[in-house]
Structures are given as structure tokens and as C-alpha cells.
Amino acid sequence: MSIIDGSDGSADAAISYTNEFFDAAVDKIDDTFGKGFAKSNPALIGALVQASSANLSAFMQAALGIDPSIFDDFEAEPPPPPPKRPKGRR
């Protein structure tokens, strides 16, 4: 039996977030330092995944402390239209 079998979905969510953080860390490291740098520096991947998960945890803890009724009277304004492009060549 898997740890995920019969779960409420939180284990699936945790695995999914970890996979996303891992992929994002590898992409960011390779984009910053060159292709293959992440593979050569797994501790850096681990540090970024750990920081990402800590940030998510802090955000979720803060969100749990918010009284949802503060959004009861919230009315979102539509975003402003995009700026008009000047005519002619650039």
C-alpha cells in the first residue's frame, strides 16, 4: 500500500508541489548559470526547493489566519485597457 492510497489528497498535493519546485529550480539554475549547472550542483537544487517550500508554507499559514469575511464586500475593478501602440514603424 502506498502512502498516497486512501489519503485526502494532501500527499498528492505535496508531491506535486515538490515536483514543480524541483523543475523550477533546475530551470532557474540552468538559465542563470548555464545548461547542466543544476545537474552538477544538486545541493543548490535542494536549497532552492527547500526555500520554495518554506515560502509556500509561510504563505499558507498566513492565509489560514485571515478571516474570509474580509472579502465579502470586495469588488474587483476591471484591469485598465492596454496602452495604445503608436502608428508607424518602430
N, C-alpha and C. Protein backbone atom coordinates (compact mmCIF):
# COMPACT_ATOMS: atom_id res chain seq x y z
N MET A 1 0.85 -1.19 0.00
CA MET A 1 0.00 0.00 0.00
C MET A 1 0.89 1.25 0.00
N SER A 2 0.55 2.15 -0.86
CA SER A 2 1.29 3.40 -0.98
C SER A 2 0.87 4.38 0.11
N ILE A 3 1.77 5.31 0.42
CA ILE A 3 1.45 6.35 1.40
C ILE A 3 0.32 7.24 0.89
N ILE A 4 0.14 7.27 -0.43
CA ILE A 4 -0.88 8.12 -1.03
C ILE A 4 -2.25 7.45 -1.03
N ASP A 5 -2.29 6.11 -1.03
CA ASP A 5 -3.57 5.39 -1.06
C ASP A 5 -4.45 5.80 0.10
N GLY A 6 -5.68 6.15 -0.19
CA GLY A 6 -6.64 6.49 0.84
C GLY A 6 -6.42 7.85 1.48
N SER A 7 -5.53 8.64 0.94
CA SER A 7 -5.26 9.95 1.55
C SER A 7 -6.35 10.94 1.16
N ASP A 8 -6.33 12.09 1.79
CA ASP A 8 -7.29 13.14 1.49
C ASP A 8 -6.83 14.02 0.33
N GLY A 9 -5.75 13.64 -0.31
CA GLY A 9 -5.22 14.42 -1.42
C GLY A 9 -4.05 15.29 -1.03
N SER A 10 -3.79 15.45 0.27
CA SER A 10 -2.70 16.32 0.68
C SER A 10 -1.34 15.74 0.29
N ALA A 11 -1.21 14.43 0.33
CA ALA A 11 0.06 13.81 -0.08
C ALA A 11 0.29 14.03 -1.57
N ASP A 12 -0.77 13.89 -2.35
CA ASP A 12 -0.65 14.15 -3.80
C ASP A 12 -0.25 15.60 -4.05
N ALA A 13 -0.86 16.51 -3.31
CA ALA A 13 -0.55 17.93 -3.48
C ALA A 13 0.90 18.21 -3.10
N ALA A 14 1.36 17.61 -2.01
CA ALA A 14 2.74 17.83 -1.57
C ALA A 14 3.73 17.32 -2.62
N ILE A 15 3.46 16.16 -3.16
CA ILE A 15 4.34 15.60 -4.20
C ILE A 15 4.32 16.49 -5.44
N SER A 16 3.14 16.95 -5.81
CA SER A 16 3.01 17.81 -6.98
C SER A 16 3.79 19.11 -6.80
N TYR A 17 3.62 19.75 -5.63
CA TYR A 17 4.37 20.98 -5.36
C TYR A 17 5.88 20.73 -5.39
N THR A 18 6.31 19.63 -4.78
CA THR A 18 7.74 19.32 -4.76
C THR A 18 8.27 19.15 -6.17
N ASN A 19 7.52 18.45 -7.01
CA ASN A 19 7.94 18.27 -8.40
C ASN A 19 8.02 19.60 -9.14
N GLU A 20 7.03 20.47 -8.90
CA GLU A 20 7.05 21.79 -9.54
C GLU A 20 8.24 22.62 -9.06
N PHE A 21 8.50 22.60 -7.75
CA PHE A 21 9.63 23.34 -7.20
C PHE A 21 10.95 22.82 -7.76
N PHE A 22 11.05 21.50 -7.88
CA PHE A 22 12.28 20.90 -8.41
C PHE A 22 12.51 21.35 -9.84
N ASP A 23 11.48 21.20 -10.68
CA ASP A 23 11.61 21.60 -12.08
C ASP A 23 11.94 23.08 -12.22
N ALA A 24 11.27 23.91 -11.42
CA ALA A 24 11.53 25.35 -11.47
C ALA A 24 12.95 25.67 -11.02
N ALA A 25 13.44 24.96 -10.00
CA ALA A 25 14.80 25.20 -9.51
C ALA A 25 15.83 24.84 -10.58
N VAL A 26 15.65 23.69 -11.20
CA VAL A 26 16.59 23.26 -12.26
C VAL A 26 16.58 24.28 -13.40
N ASP A 27 15.38 24.67 -13.83
CA ASP A 27 15.28 25.64 -14.93
C ASP A 27 15.95 26.97 -14.57
N LYS A 28 15.69 27.47 -13.36
CA LYS A 28 16.24 28.76 -12.94
C LYS A 28 17.76 28.70 -12.84
N ILE A 29 18.27 27.62 -12.26
CA ILE A 29 19.73 27.48 -12.11
C ILE A 29 20.38 27.40 -13.48
N ASP A 30 19.84 26.57 -14.37
CA ASP A 30 20.43 26.44 -15.70
C ASP A 30 20.30 27.72 -16.51
N ASP A 31 19.18 28.44 -16.34
CA ASP A 31 19.03 29.72 -17.05
C ASP A 31 20.04 30.75 -16.54
N THR A 32 20.33 30.69 -15.25
CA THR A 32 21.24 31.68 -14.65
C THR A 32 22.71 31.35 -14.89
N PHE A 33 23.07 30.07 -14.72
CA PHE A 33 24.49 29.69 -14.76
C PHE A 33 24.90 28.84 -15.96
N GLY A 34 23.95 28.48 -16.80
CA GLY A 34 24.27 27.70 -17.98
C GLY A 34 23.74 26.27 -17.88
N LYS A 35 23.41 25.72 -19.03
CA LYS A 35 22.84 24.37 -19.10
C LYS A 35 23.76 23.35 -18.44
N GLY A 36 23.18 22.52 -17.60
CA GLY A 36 23.93 21.47 -16.91
C GLY A 36 24.47 21.86 -15.55
N PHE A 37 24.41 23.16 -15.20
CA PHE A 37 24.95 23.60 -13.92
C PHE A 37 24.16 23.00 -12.77
N ALA A 38 22.83 22.91 -12.91
CA ALA A 38 22.00 22.34 -11.84
C ALA A 38 22.37 20.88 -11.59
N LYS A 39 22.56 20.13 -12.65
CA LYS A 39 22.91 18.71 -12.51
C LYS A 39 24.25 18.55 -11.79
N SER A 40 25.15 19.47 -11.99
CA SER A 40 26.47 19.43 -11.35
C SER A 40 26.43 19.96 -9.92
N ASN A 41 25.33 20.58 -9.53
CA ASN A 41 25.24 21.19 -8.20
C ASN A 41 23.90 20.84 -7.53
N PRO A 42 23.72 19.58 -7.18
CA PRO A 42 22.44 19.16 -6.60
C PRO A 42 22.12 19.84 -5.27
N ALA A 43 23.12 20.25 -4.53
CA ALA A 43 22.85 20.94 -3.26
C ALA A 43 22.15 22.27 -3.51
N LEU A 44 22.48 22.91 -4.62
CA LEU A 44 21.82 24.17 -4.97
C LEU A 44 20.36 23.93 -5.31
N ILE A 45 20.07 22.84 -6.00
CA ILE A 45 18.68 22.47 -6.29
C ILE A 45 17.94 22.27 -4.97
N GLY A 46 18.55 21.52 -4.07
CA GLY A 46 17.92 21.25 -2.77
C GLY A 46 17.65 22.52 -2.00
N ALA A 47 18.59 23.45 -2.03
CA ALA A 47 18.41 24.71 -1.31
C ALA A 47 17.24 25.51 -1.88
N LEU A 48 17.11 25.55 -3.21
CA LEU A 48 16.01 26.29 -3.82
C LEU A 48 14.67 25.61 -3.57
N VAL A 49 14.64 24.28 -3.62
CA VAL A 49 13.40 23.56 -3.33
C VAL A 49 12.99 23.80 -1.88
N GLN A 50 13.95 23.76 -0.97
CA GLN A 50 13.67 23.98 0.45
C GLN A 50 13.15 25.40 0.68
N ALA A 51 13.78 26.37 0.05
CA ALA A 51 13.33 27.76 0.21
C ALA A 51 11.93 27.95 -0.36
N SER A 52 11.66 27.33 -1.50
CA SER A 52 10.33 27.44 -2.11
C SER A 52 9.27 26.83 -1.22
N SER A 53 9.56 25.68 -0.65
CA SER A 53 8.57 25.02 0.21
C SER A 53 8.37 25.82 1.50
N ALA A 54 9.42 26.41 2.04
CA ALA A 54 9.28 27.25 3.24
C ALA A 54 8.43 28.47 2.95
N ASN A 55 8.63 29.08 1.77
CA ASN A 55 7.83 30.24 1.38
C ASN A 55 6.35 29.87 1.23
N LEU A 56 6.09 28.72 0.60
CA LEU A 56 4.71 28.27 0.44
C LEU A 56 4.07 27.99 1.80
N SER A 57 4.81 27.35 2.66
CA SER A 57 4.30 27.04 3.99
C SER A 57 3.96 28.33 4.76
N ALA A 58 4.84 29.31 4.70
CA ALA A 58 4.59 30.58 5.39
C ALA A 58 3.37 31.27 4.80
N PHE A 59 3.24 31.25 3.49
CA PHE A 59 2.08 31.86 2.84
C PHE A 59 0.80 31.17 3.27
N MET A 60 0.81 29.84 3.28
CA MET A 60 -0.40 29.10 3.65
C MET A 60 -0.76 29.33 5.12
N GLN A 61 0.23 29.38 5.98
CA GLN A 61 -0.03 29.65 7.39
C GLN A 61 -0.65 31.04 7.57
N ALA A 62 -0.12 32.01 6.84
CA ALA A 62 -0.68 33.35 6.92
C ALA A 62 -2.10 33.38 6.37
N ALA A 63 -2.34 32.67 5.28
CA ALA A 63 -3.66 32.65 4.67
C ALA A 63 -4.68 31.99 5.59
N LEU A 64 -4.26 31.00 6.34
CA LEU A 64 -5.18 30.33 7.26
C LEU A 64 -5.62 31.25 8.39
N GLY A 65 -4.82 32.25 8.69
CA GLY A 65 -5.15 33.18 9.76
C GLY A 65 -6.02 34.33 9.32
N ILE A 66 -6.32 34.41 8.03
CA ILE A 66 -7.13 35.51 7.52
C ILE A 66 -8.61 35.18 7.67
N ASP A 67 -9.38 36.14 8.18
CA ASP A 67 -10.82 35.97 8.29
C ASP A 67 -11.41 36.12 6.89
N PRO A 68 -12.03 35.06 6.35
CA PRO A 68 -12.54 35.14 4.97
C PRO A 68 -13.60 36.20 4.76
N SER A 69 -14.22 36.68 5.82
CA SER A 69 -15.27 37.68 5.65
C SER A 69 -14.72 39.02 5.16
N ILE A 70 -13.40 39.21 5.24
CA ILE A 70 -12.84 40.48 4.74
C ILE A 70 -13.05 40.63 3.24
N PHE A 71 -13.34 39.52 2.57
CA PHE A 71 -13.55 39.57 1.12
C PHE A 71 -15.02 39.70 0.74
N ASP A 72 -15.91 39.74 1.72
CA ASP A 72 -17.34 39.77 1.44
C ASP A 72 -17.76 40.98 0.62
N ASP A 73 -17.23 42.14 0.91
CA ASP A 73 -17.61 43.36 0.20
C ASP A 73 -16.63 43.75 -0.89
N PHE A 74 -15.73 42.86 -1.23
CA PHE A 74 -14.70 43.16 -2.22
C PHE A 74 -15.29 43.11 -3.62
N GLU A 75 -15.08 44.17 -4.37
CA GLU A 75 -15.49 44.22 -5.76
C GLU A 75 -14.27 44.56 -6.59
N ALA A 76 -13.86 43.62 -7.39
CA ALA A 76 -12.67 43.83 -8.22
C ALA A 76 -13.00 44.78 -9.36
N GLU A 77 -12.08 45.67 -9.62
CA GLU A 77 -12.23 46.57 -10.76
C GLU A 77 -11.60 45.90 -11.97
N PRO A 78 -12.17 46.11 -13.14
CA PRO A 78 -11.54 45.52 -14.33
C PRO A 78 -10.19 46.17 -14.56
N PRO A 79 -9.27 45.42 -15.14
CA PRO A 79 -7.95 46.00 -15.40
C PRO A 79 -8.05 47.11 -16.44
N PRO A 80 -7.13 48.06 -16.40
CA PRO A 80 -7.17 49.13 -17.39
C PRO A 80 -6.86 48.57 -18.77
N PRO A 81 -7.33 49.24 -19.80
CA PRO A 81 -7.03 48.75 -21.15
C PRO A 81 -5.54 48.90 -21.43
N PRO A 82 -5.02 48.05 -22.32
CA PRO A 82 -3.60 48.17 -22.64
C PRO A 82 -3.31 49.50 -23.33
N PRO A 83 -2.10 50.01 -23.19
CA PRO A 83 -1.78 51.28 -23.85
C PRO A 83 -1.85 51.13 -25.37
N LYS A 84 -2.23 52.21 -26.01
CA LYS A 84 -2.32 52.18 -27.47
C LYS A 84 -0.92 52.23 -28.06
N ARG A 85 -0.74 51.44 -29.09
CA ARG A 85 0.55 51.41 -29.77
C ARG A 85 0.62 52.56 -30.77
N PRO A 86 1.75 53.19 -30.82
CA PRO A 86 1.89 54.27 -31.82
C PRO A 86 1.87 53.68 -33.23
N LYS A 87 1.32 54.45 -34.15
CA LYS A 87 1.28 54.01 -35.54
C LYS A 87 2.64 54.23 -36.18
N GLY A 88 2.91 53.42 -37.18
CA GLY A 88 4.16 53.56 -37.91
C GLY A 88 5.19 52.55 -37.45
N ARG A 89 6.36 52.67 -38.00
CA ARG A 89 7.46 51.75 -37.69
C ARG A 89 8.10 52.10 -36.39
N ARG A 90 8.73 51.11 -35.81
CA ARG A 90 9.46 51.32 -34.56
C ARG A 90 10.93 51.41 -34.83
